[in-house]
Amino acid sequence: EEDLKVFERQSAEYKCEDAKYLVGDRVYNKQYAQLYFMRLHQLSPVILAKVKELWPGVPVRKILEVEPGVECAVVGTLYKEAKLKPSVLSEYAKDKSLQAHLQGTKFVSGDDSLVLEDEGARMQLGGSRLSPGDFVSGICVAVKGTETEGGHFEVSDVCFPGPAPQPRLEAAHAAGAGAGGAPRGEEGKFVAFVSGLNLGGEKQDSLPLQLFVDYVTGSLGGGAAEGLASRITRTVVVGNTLSSAATRAAGAEAGEGDQAKSGQGKPVSDLKAADLFLTQLASSMPVDLMPGPSDPTNISMPQQPFHRCLLPSMTRYKNVGRVTNPHQFKVDGVSFLGTSGQNIDDIMKYVDHEDRLAAIVSTIEWCHSTPTAPDTVPCFPFADKDPFVTEKECPHVVFVGNQPKLETGMVSGPQGQKIRVVALPSFAETQTCVLVNTHDLSLHPIHFKSL
């Protein structure tokens, strides 16, 4: 009787909150200074409220009002003067042979320093409390200290804007959430995450890909596996869905004769094969498709959704969400926020540690998902807002795709916030996807490897 049991896929209340990342008129004649101004404007009230709580009695001053020897607090935006930050090299990074070498390069030295800027001026920061190796440009903070005779501001303490307030989950028991193997029990629904499929790659093993699709669609295993698959309410594909070869095919404008001469014929067929593969997934369940660094969309953040014509078969389904990067959404009241990895990859170039999970946690404390935009991450020049600011609500799950390995942890905030932090590895490299339980925020990695 168990073999004959029919499972229906469970549904979940879903709300996409990507409206602030959508770019309407793409006008690039504006200066980026306005984006920094809006970032500070949005985060200043939050920081000032925390300053009054943490440092009662300490006066808050503008940089031009700071007096030597008088302790005060100043709110502004950090700028990191990195001596090794590439400038001319970035022009040559268009060469594919150089991109691979620059991607893993650290631009950190012992001569780096921090500057604080507000609306009217800037000042050099000093002191052991503020190590340049722990920070990047674009972070809004408050610093407490005194100005020295040499004109430097000696920092004695730092205040960050986050974590932001977080809505309470009535049904969740996040305090006991963990990460383990196969999910057990009947409580909770799941959201599946997979990153870096790299469909259309030259050395791609199709068996793990097919096993993944069969697993999440309920076509793999017995009754227990089917019952688990029925509790997966949505799959989020987190960037780098297409290989670079398929992406070049999507941008090719040559005719059939020219394609044959330039070798574009096979990449075009790879793009079609990727569409058919994703259609298998979309035919069974809701799917959110995020763009990534190698995908055929704009390179500047926020990346806009895939064009419908690139994946015509998949996008015929109404349950397919062509979403932005970053992507923000809620499933049964549980809030998710994630990127395809550009923000963390860039942060790691300018800090003196290798802890990517700590870098993700820092973006929560900074209330900003991509602080190094527009300095070292390409970004649209917004004039009336900074869409990457997260000061209003702290997500329950923060995920980052296309990372070197799977890492996860639970972060607790001072106001009872519980955040599941996930670094997702490339599926093409690790054959791994993860399931996040919306009941208790537990995480379960699933591995698919051919022998």
Protein backbone atom coordinates (compact mmCIF):
# COMPACT_ATOMS: atom_id res chain seq x y z
CA GLU A 1 0.00 0.00 0.00
CA GLU A 2 2.89 2.31 0.72
CA ASP A 3 4.18 1.86 -2.82
CA LEU A 4 0.80 2.91 -4.19
CA LYS A 5 0.51 5.98 -1.99
CA VAL A 6 0.17 9.22 -3.92
CA PHE A 7 1.93 12.30 -2.55
CA GLU A 8 0.84 15.81 -3.39
CA ARG A 9 3.43 18.55 -3.28
CA GLN A 10 2.77 20.85 -0.35
CA SER A 11 2.22 24.51 -1.10
CA ALA A 12 3.49 27.51 0.83
CA GLU A 13 2.60 31.16 0.95
CA TYR A 14 5.19 32.97 -1.15
CA LYS A 15 5.95 36.67 -1.49
CA CYS A 16 8.67 38.09 -3.73
CA GLU A 17 10.19 41.34 -2.42
CA ASP A 18 12.53 42.20 -5.30
CA ALA A 19 10.75 45.39 -6.39
CA LYS A 20 13.48 47.63 -4.96
CA TYR A 21 16.13 45.84 -7.03
CA LEU A 22 14.36 46.34 -10.36
CA VAL A 23 15.90 49.08 -12.50
CA GLY A 24 13.45 51.02 -14.66
CA ASP A 25 15.08 53.63 -16.88
CA ARG A 26 18.73 52.66 -17.16
CA VAL A 27 20.26 56.12 -17.12
CA TYR A 28 23.98 56.18 -16.39
CA ASN A 29 24.63 59.93 -16.42
CA LYS A 30 24.45 60.31 -12.62
CA GLN A 31 27.28 60.49 -10.13
CA TYR A 32 27.82 57.74 -7.55
CA ALA A 33 28.22 60.29 -4.75
CA GLN A 34 24.43 60.42 -4.47
CA LEU A 35 24.31 56.67 -3.78
CA TYR A 36 26.72 57.06 -0.86
CA PHE A 37 24.71 60.03 0.41
CA MET A 38 21.47 58.01 0.33
CA ARG A 39 23.15 55.08 2.09
CA LEU A 40 24.24 57.31 4.95
CA HIS A 41 20.84 59.04 4.96
CA GLN A 42 19.03 55.70 5.32
CA LEU A 43 21.31 54.26 8.01
CA SER A 44 22.03 57.38 10.10
CA PRO A 45 18.77 57.27 12.12
CA VAL A 46 19.39 53.62 13.01
CA ILE A 47 22.99 54.28 14.02
CA LEU A 48 22.09 57.37 16.08
CA ALA A 49 19.48 55.40 18.01
CA LYS A 50 22.06 52.76 18.89
CA VAL A 51 24.65 55.41 19.83
CA LYS A 52 22.28 56.92 22.40
CA GLU A 53 21.74 53.47 23.88
CA LEU A 54 25.37 52.32 23.88
CA TRP A 55 27.13 55.59 24.69
CA PRO A 56 24.77 57.69 26.86
CA GLY A 57 26.02 61.18 27.46
CA VAL A 58 28.53 61.13 24.59
CA PRO A 59 27.83 64.04 22.21
CA VAL A 60 27.36 63.30 18.51
CA ARG A 61 29.26 65.67 16.22
CA LYS A 62 29.76 66.26 12.52
CA ILE A 63 33.37 65.92 11.37
CA LEU A 64 33.75 69.68 10.99
CA GLU A 65 32.51 70.13 14.61
CA VAL A 66 35.03 67.74 16.21
CA GLU A 67 37.30 69.48 18.76
CA PRO A 68 40.78 68.18 19.65
CA GLY A 69 40.88 66.36 22.99
CA VAL A 70 37.09 66.29 23.43
CA GLU A 71 35.48 62.82 23.35
CA CYS A 72 32.58 62.56 20.94
CA ALA A 73 30.84 60.24 18.50
CA VAL A 74 30.81 60.73 14.72
CA VAL A 75 28.56 58.99 12.18
CA GLY A 76 29.82 58.48 8.65
CA THR A 77 30.87 56.13 5.88
CA LEU A 78 34.16 54.26 5.99
CA TYR A 79 36.54 54.46 3.05
CA LYS A 80 39.49 52.07 3.00
CA GLU A 81 42.65 53.39 1.43
CA ALA A 82 44.05 50.12 0.07
CA LYS A 83 47.46 50.63 -1.45
CA LEU A 84 47.19 47.47 -3.57
CA LYS A 85 43.70 48.11 -4.94
CA PRO A 86 43.89 47.63 -8.73
CA SER A 87 43.27 50.57 -10.99
CA VAL A 88 45.01 50.20 -14.35
CA LEU A 89 44.82 46.41 -14.00
CA SER A 90 41.03 46.56 -14.01
CA GLU A 91 41.13 47.79 -17.60
CA TYR A 92 43.03 44.67 -18.62
CA ALA A 93 40.70 42.39 -16.64
CA LYS A 94 38.49 42.18 -19.72
CA ASP A 95 41.08 39.69 -20.93
CA LYS A 96 39.82 36.26 -19.84
CA SER A 97 43.36 35.05 -19.15
CA LEU A 98 43.86 37.77 -16.52
CA GLN A 99 40.45 37.45 -14.84
CA ALA A 100 41.26 34.04 -13.39
CA HIS A 101 44.45 35.36 -11.79
CA LEU A 102 42.86 38.49 -10.35
CA GLN A 103 39.81 36.65 -9.00
CA GLY A 104 41.61 35.08 -6.05
CA THR A 105 44.00 37.94 -5.40
CA LYS A 106 44.14 39.73 -2.06
CA PHE A 107 44.58 43.51 -2.14
CA VAL A 108 45.56 43.89 1.52
CA SER A 109 48.75 45.37 2.92
CA GLY A 110 50.08 46.68 6.22
CA ASP A 111 49.90 50.23 4.87
CA ASP A 112 46.10 50.25 4.50
CA SER A 113 44.21 52.91 6.45
CA LEU A 114 40.61 53.95 7.15
CA VAL A 115 38.95 57.30 6.52
CA LEU A 116 35.51 58.38 7.78
CA GLU A 117 33.38 60.63 5.58
CA ASP A 118 30.14 62.45 6.28
CA GLU A 119 28.18 65.03 4.28
CA GLY A 120 30.74 67.78 4.86
CA ALA A 121 34.25 66.42 5.36
CA ARG A 122 36.49 63.43 5.99
CA MET A 123 38.98 62.49 8.71
CA GLN A 124 41.69 59.89 9.18
CA LEU A 125 40.95 57.18 11.75
CA GLY A 126 43.47 55.55 14.06
CA GLY A 127 43.70 53.34 17.12
CA SER A 128 43.87 49.61 17.79
CA ARG A 129 40.09 49.29 18.08
CA LEU A 130 39.71 49.74 14.32
CA SER A 131 41.83 47.36 12.26
CA PRO A 132 41.78 48.13 8.50
CA GLY A 133 42.05 44.41 7.74
CA ASP A 134 38.57 43.80 9.15
CA PHE A 135 36.75 46.44 7.10
CA VAL A 136 35.97 47.42 3.52
CA SER A 137 34.87 50.64 1.89
CA GLY A 138 31.22 51.67 2.04
CA ILE A 139 30.28 50.67 5.61
CA CYS A 140 28.23 53.18 7.60
CA VAL A 141 29.29 53.29 11.26
CA ALA A 142 29.57 55.49 14.33
CA VAL A 143 32.97 55.86 15.98
CA LYS A 144 33.65 57.12 19.50
CA GLY A 145 36.96 58.74 20.38
CA THR A 146 38.98 61.94 20.45
CA GLU A 147 40.92 63.92 17.89
CA THR A 148 44.66 64.00 18.45
CA GLU A 149 47.01 66.92 17.88
CA GLY A 150 48.12 65.38 14.59
CA GLY A 151 44.58 65.56 13.23
CA HIS A 152 43.82 61.84 13.49
CA PHE A 153 40.71 60.61 15.26
CA GLU A 154 41.72 58.02 17.87
CA VAL A 155 38.88 55.48 17.95
CA SER A 156 37.97 53.85 21.25
CA ASP A 157 34.77 52.08 20.18
CA VAL A 158 32.68 51.35 17.06
CA CYS A 159 28.92 51.06 16.59
CA PHE A 160 27.32 49.25 13.64
CA PRO A 161 23.72 49.72 12.50
CA GLY A 162 22.70 46.05 12.62
CA PRO A 163 21.35 43.52 13.02
CA ALA A 164 18.00 45.01 12.11
CA PRO A 165 14.78 44.04 13.96
CA GLN A 166 13.42 40.62 13.00
CA PRO A 167 9.81 39.45 12.95
CA ARG A 168 9.18 36.61 15.38
CA LEU A 169 8.39 33.20 13.94
CA GLU A 170 5.55 31.65 15.89
CA ALA A 171 6.12 28.09 14.69
CA ALA A 172 9.88 28.11 14.50
CA HIS A 173 12.26 26.74 17.09
CA ALA A 174 15.38 28.24 15.62
CA ALA A 175 17.32 28.11 18.89
CA GLY A 176 17.73 24.36 18.48
CA ALA A 177 18.24 24.36 14.72
CA GLY A 178 21.22 22.54 13.36
CA ALA A 179 22.76 21.19 10.21
CA GLY A 180 22.79 17.50 9.53
CA GLY A 181 22.17 14.73 7.07
CA ALA A 182 18.84 13.55 5.71
CA PRO A 183 15.84 15.41 7.14
CA ARG A 184 13.76 13.51 9.67
CA GLY A 185 10.30 13.94 11.08
CA GLU A 186 7.15 15.27 9.51
CA GLU A 187 7.32 18.89 10.66
CA GLY A 188 8.07 21.75 8.34
CA LYS A 189 8.40 22.43 4.67
CA PHE A 190 11.61 22.88 2.74
CA VAL A 191 13.13 25.37 0.33
CA ALA A 192 15.81 23.81 -1.88
CA PHE A 193 18.88 25.83 -2.89
CA VAL A 194 21.29 24.96 -5.66
CA SER A 195 24.06 27.16 -7.05
CA GLY A 196 26.52 27.03 -9.93
CA LEU A 197 24.86 24.46 -12.19
CA ASN A 198 27.03 25.70 -15.10
CA LEU A 199 24.74 24.08 -17.66
CA GLY A 200 26.38 23.72 -21.06
CA GLY A 201 29.89 23.25 -19.69
CA GLU A 202 32.38 21.24 -21.71
CA LYS A 203 33.29 18.71 -18.98
CA GLN A 204 29.90 18.47 -17.33
CA ASP A 205 28.75 15.22 -15.72
CA SER A 206 25.05 14.94 -16.51
CA LEU A 207 24.31 12.15 -14.00
CA PRO A 208 24.47 14.29 -10.79
CA LEU A 209 22.30 16.92 -12.50
CA GLN A 210 19.66 14.37 -13.40
CA LEU A 211 19.81 12.82 -9.92
CA PHE A 212 19.22 16.26 -8.42
CA VAL A 213 16.16 16.90 -10.60
CA ASP A 214 14.79 13.41 -9.94
CA TYR A 215 15.28 13.88 -6.19
CA VAL A 216 13.52 17.22 -5.79
CA THR A 217 10.71 16.25 -8.18
CA GLY A 218 10.01 13.01 -6.29
CA SER A 219 11.12 10.63 -9.04
CA LEU A 220 14.02 9.13 -7.08
CA GLY A 221 13.74 6.61 -4.24
CA GLY A 222 10.81 4.97 -2.48
CA GLY A 223 7.85 6.23 -0.52
CA ALA A 224 9.93 7.97 2.16
CA ALA A 225 11.92 9.91 -0.44
CA GLU A 226 8.77 10.84 -2.29
CA GLY A 227 7.18 12.05 0.94
CA LEU A 228 10.21 14.24 1.63
CA ALA A 229 10.21 15.62 -1.92
CA SER A 230 6.56 16.54 -1.54
CA ARG A 231 7.56 18.88 1.30
CA ILE A 232 9.96 20.86 -0.93
CA THR A 233 7.80 23.85 -1.80
CA ARG A 234 10.26 25.74 -3.97
CA THR A 235 13.71 25.51 -5.54
CA VAL A 236 15.96 28.57 -5.77
CA VAL A 237 18.69 28.42 -8.43
CA VAL A 238 21.35 30.79 -7.09
CA GLY A 239 23.32 32.13 -10.05
CA ASN A 240 25.82 30.77 -12.58
CA THR A 241 23.09 28.61 -14.06
CA LEU A 242 24.67 28.72 -17.50
CA SER A 243 28.30 28.10 -18.33
CA SER A 244 30.38 30.90 -19.84
CA ALA A 245 30.19 29.13 -23.23
CA ALA A 246 26.39 29.10 -23.18
CA THR A 247 26.41 32.74 -22.09
CA ARG A 248 28.57 33.71 -25.05
CA ALA A 249 26.08 31.92 -27.29
CA ALA A 250 23.24 33.92 -25.81
CA GLY A 251 25.02 37.12 -26.77
CA ALA A 252 26.06 36.00 -30.22
CA GLU A 253 24.46 38.03 -32.98
CA ALA A 254 26.15 36.34 -35.94
CA GLY A 255 24.24 34.39 -38.60
CA GLU A 256 24.28 30.59 -38.97
CA GLY A 257 27.18 30.69 -41.42
CA ASP A 258 29.23 32.95 -39.17
CA GLN A 259 28.40 30.76 -36.15
CA ALA A 260 29.74 27.69 -37.89
CA LYS A 261 33.00 29.48 -38.65
CA SER A 262 33.40 30.96 -35.16
CA GLY A 263 32.42 27.78 -33.28
CA GLN A 264 29.23 29.25 -31.84
CA GLY A 265 27.00 26.42 -33.04
CA LYS A 266 27.63 24.09 -30.10
CA PRO A 267 27.13 26.77 -27.40
CA VAL A 268 23.74 27.59 -28.95
CA SER A 269 22.72 23.94 -28.65
CA ASP A 270 24.04 23.97 -25.05
CA LEU A 271 21.72 26.88 -24.27
CA LYS A 272 18.78 24.91 -25.63
CA ALA A 273 19.81 21.84 -23.61
CA ALA A 274 19.99 23.99 -20.47
CA ASP A 275 16.47 25.24 -21.17
CA LEU A 276 15.15 21.69 -21.48
CA PHE A 277 16.90 20.64 -18.27
CA LEU A 278 15.42 23.51 -16.27
CA THR A 279 12.01 22.78 -17.79
CA GLN A 280 12.07 19.39 -16.03
CA LEU A 281 12.38 21.23 -12.73
CA ALA A 282 9.77 23.87 -13.53
CA SER A 283 7.21 21.30 -14.65
CA SER A 284 7.06 19.86 -11.13
CA MET A 285 7.48 22.74 -8.69
CA PRO A 286 7.91 26.53 -8.29
CA VAL A 287 11.38 27.74 -9.24
CA ASP A 288 13.18 31.05 -8.62
CA LEU A 289 15.96 31.66 -11.17
CA MET A 290 18.61 34.13 -10.04
CA PRO A 291 21.29 35.49 -12.41
CA GLY A 292 24.97 35.21 -11.53
CA PRO A 293 28.41 36.37 -12.72
CA SER A 294 28.52 33.98 -15.69
CA ASP A 295 24.89 34.38 -16.76
CA PRO A 296 23.68 36.41 -19.77
CA THR A 297 22.42 39.53 -18.04
CA ASN A 298 23.88 42.86 -16.91
CA ILE A 299 27.08 42.58 -14.90
CA SER A 300 26.31 45.56 -12.62
CA MET A 301 24.44 45.03 -9.38
CA PRO A 302 21.59 44.52 -8.90
CA GLN A 303 21.53 42.02 -11.74
CA GLN A 304 18.22 42.04 -13.58
CA PRO A 305 16.17 38.89 -14.30
CA PHE A 306 16.89 36.55 -17.19
CA HIS A 307 15.24 37.58 -20.44
CA ARG A 308 12.37 35.29 -21.31
CA CYS A 309 13.74 34.51 -24.78
CA LEU A 310 16.88 32.85 -23.37
CA LEU A 311 14.91 30.03 -21.73
CA PRO A 312 11.65 29.91 -23.71
CA SER A 313 10.48 26.45 -22.60
CA MET A 314 11.11 26.97 -18.89
CA THR A 315 9.60 30.44 -18.72
CA ARG A 316 6.28 29.25 -20.15
CA TYR A 317 5.42 27.98 -16.68
CA LYS A 318 3.69 30.47 -14.43
CA ASN A 319 5.44 29.06 -11.35
CA VAL A 320 8.85 30.21 -12.64
CA GLY A 321 10.16 33.39 -11.06
CA ARG A 322 12.73 35.27 -13.12
CA VAL A 323 14.14 37.18 -10.15
CA THR A 324 16.96 39.61 -9.46
CA ASN A 325 20.32 39.26 -7.76
CA PRO A 326 20.11 40.04 -4.82
CA HIS A 327 16.88 38.11 -4.26
CA GLN A 328 14.58 38.73 -1.29
CA PHE A 329 11.43 36.72 -0.56
CA LYS A 330 9.27 35.13 2.13
CA VAL A 331 7.97 31.57 2.40
CA ASP A 332 5.27 31.06 5.06
CA GLY A 333 6.51 34.17 6.87
CA VAL A 334 10.18 33.11 6.85
CA SER A 335 12.25 35.82 5.16
CA PHE A 336 15.16 34.98 2.87
CA LEU A 337 17.84 37.25 1.41
CA GLY A 338 20.64 36.08 -0.84
CA THR A 339 23.07 36.87 -3.61
CA SER A 340 24.94 34.89 -6.26
CA GLY A 341 28.27 35.56 -4.56
CA GLN A 342 29.73 38.73 -6.09
CA ASN A 343 29.41 40.69 -2.83
CA ILE A 344 31.29 38.19 -0.67
CA ASP A 345 33.88 37.40 -3.36
CA ASP A 346 34.73 41.10 -3.50
CA ILE A 347 34.78 41.59 0.28
CA MET A 348 37.26 38.70 0.61
CA LYS A 349 39.73 40.57 -1.62
CA TYR A 350 39.98 43.47 0.86
CA VAL A 351 40.01 41.76 4.28
CA ASP A 352 42.95 39.94 5.86
CA HIS A 353 41.13 36.68 6.73
CA GLU A 354 39.69 33.74 4.77
CA ASP A 355 36.49 33.22 6.78
CA ARG A 356 33.69 33.67 4.23
CA LEU A 357 30.99 32.84 6.78
CA ALA A 358 32.27 35.68 8.98
CA ALA A 359 32.10 38.00 5.97
CA ILE A 360 28.45 37.08 5.43
CA VAL A 361 27.70 37.71 9.11
CA SER A 362 29.42 41.09 8.82
CA THR A 363 26.98 42.18 6.08
CA ILE A 364 24.17 41.52 8.58
CA GLU A 365 25.89 43.70 11.21
CA TRP A 366 26.54 46.39 8.60
CA CYS A 367 22.89 46.33 7.39
CA HIS A 368 24.18 46.26 3.84
CA SER A 369 24.46 43.29 1.50
CA THR A 370 26.98 44.85 -0.91
CA PRO A 371 28.95 47.61 0.84
CA THR A 372 31.80 47.66 -1.71
CA ALA A 373 29.41 48.75 -4.47
CA PRO A 374 30.01 50.98 -6.34
CA ASP A 375 33.69 51.26 -5.34
CA THR A 376 34.89 47.80 -6.44
CA VAL A 377 31.62 46.06 -7.43
CA PRO A 378 29.86 47.42 -10.54
CA CYS A 379 26.56 48.99 -9.57
CA PHE A 380 23.73 51.02 -11.09
CA PRO A 381 23.96 54.71 -10.04
CA PHE A 382 20.82 55.00 -7.93
CA ALA A 383 19.98 58.58 -6.99
CA ASP A 384 16.96 58.27 -4.67
CA LYS A 385 17.78 55.11 -2.67
CA ASP A 386 20.35 52.45 -1.88
CA PRO A 387 18.48 49.17 -2.48
CA PHE A 388 21.17 47.07 -0.78
CA VAL A 389 20.47 48.57 2.66
CA THR A 390 18.69 46.14 5.02
CA GLU A 391 17.93 48.38 8.00
CA LYS A 392 14.18 47.72 8.23
CA GLU A 393 14.05 43.95 8.68
CA CYS A 394 16.63 41.28 9.41
CA PRO A 395 16.08 38.12 7.30
CA HIS A 396 15.76 34.70 8.89
CA VAL A 397 17.96 33.08 6.24
CA VAL A 398 20.91 34.71 4.46
CA PHE A 399 22.42 32.70 1.59
CA VAL A 400 25.31 33.36 -0.78
CA GLY A 401 25.92 31.25 -3.88
CA ASN A 402 28.99 30.09 -5.81
CA GLN A 403 31.29 29.79 -2.81
CA PRO A 404 34.27 27.39 -2.58
CA LYS A 405 32.59 25.05 -0.09
CA LEU A 406 29.43 24.54 1.93
CA GLU A 407 29.46 26.45 5.21
CA THR A 408 26.61 27.26 7.55
CA GLY A 409 25.89 28.56 11.02
CA MET A 410 23.27 30.16 13.27
CA VAL A 411 23.75 33.78 14.31
CA SER A 412 22.05 35.27 17.36
CA GLY A 413 21.35 39.00 17.59
CA PRO A 414 21.10 41.23 20.68
CA GLN A 415 17.31 41.54 20.30
CA GLY A 416 16.66 37.82 19.95
CA GLN A 417 17.31 37.60 16.20
CA LYS A 418 18.04 34.12 14.88
CA ILE A 419 19.62 33.98 11.43
CA ARG A 420 20.60 30.92 9.43
CA VAL A 421 23.67 31.83 7.36
CA VAL A 422 24.56 29.64 4.38
CA ALA A 423 27.48 29.69 1.93
CA LEU A 424 26.37 27.57 -1.03
CA PRO A 425 29.01 25.71 -3.08
CA SER A 426 28.97 25.32 -6.84
CA PHE A 427 26.95 22.26 -7.83
CA ALA A 428 29.22 21.70 -10.82
CA GLU A 429 32.18 21.36 -8.43
CA THR A 430 30.63 19.65 -5.39
CA GLN A 431 27.35 18.07 -6.66
CA THR A 432 25.63 19.44 -3.55
CA CYS A 433 22.31 21.14 -2.92
CA VAL A 434 20.81 22.10 0.44
CA LEU A 435 17.34 22.02 1.96
CA VAL A 436 16.32 24.65 4.52
CA ASN A 437 13.45 23.76 6.83
CA THR A 438 11.08 26.71 7.24
CA HIS A 439 9.83 25.30 10.57
CA ASP A 440 13.10 25.36 12.52
CA LEU A 441 15.63 26.85 10.04
CA SER A 442 17.64 23.61 10.08
CA LEU A 443 19.79 22.90 7.05
CA HIS A 444 20.27 19.55 5.30
CA PRO A 445 22.87 19.09 2.53
CA ILE A 446 22.16 16.52 -0.17
CA HIS A 447 25.07 15.14 -2.22
CA PHE A 448 24.80 13.64 -5.71
CA LYS A 449 27.99 12.05 -6.99
CA SER A 450 28.50 9.54 -9.80
CA LEU A 451 30.89 6.68 -9.13
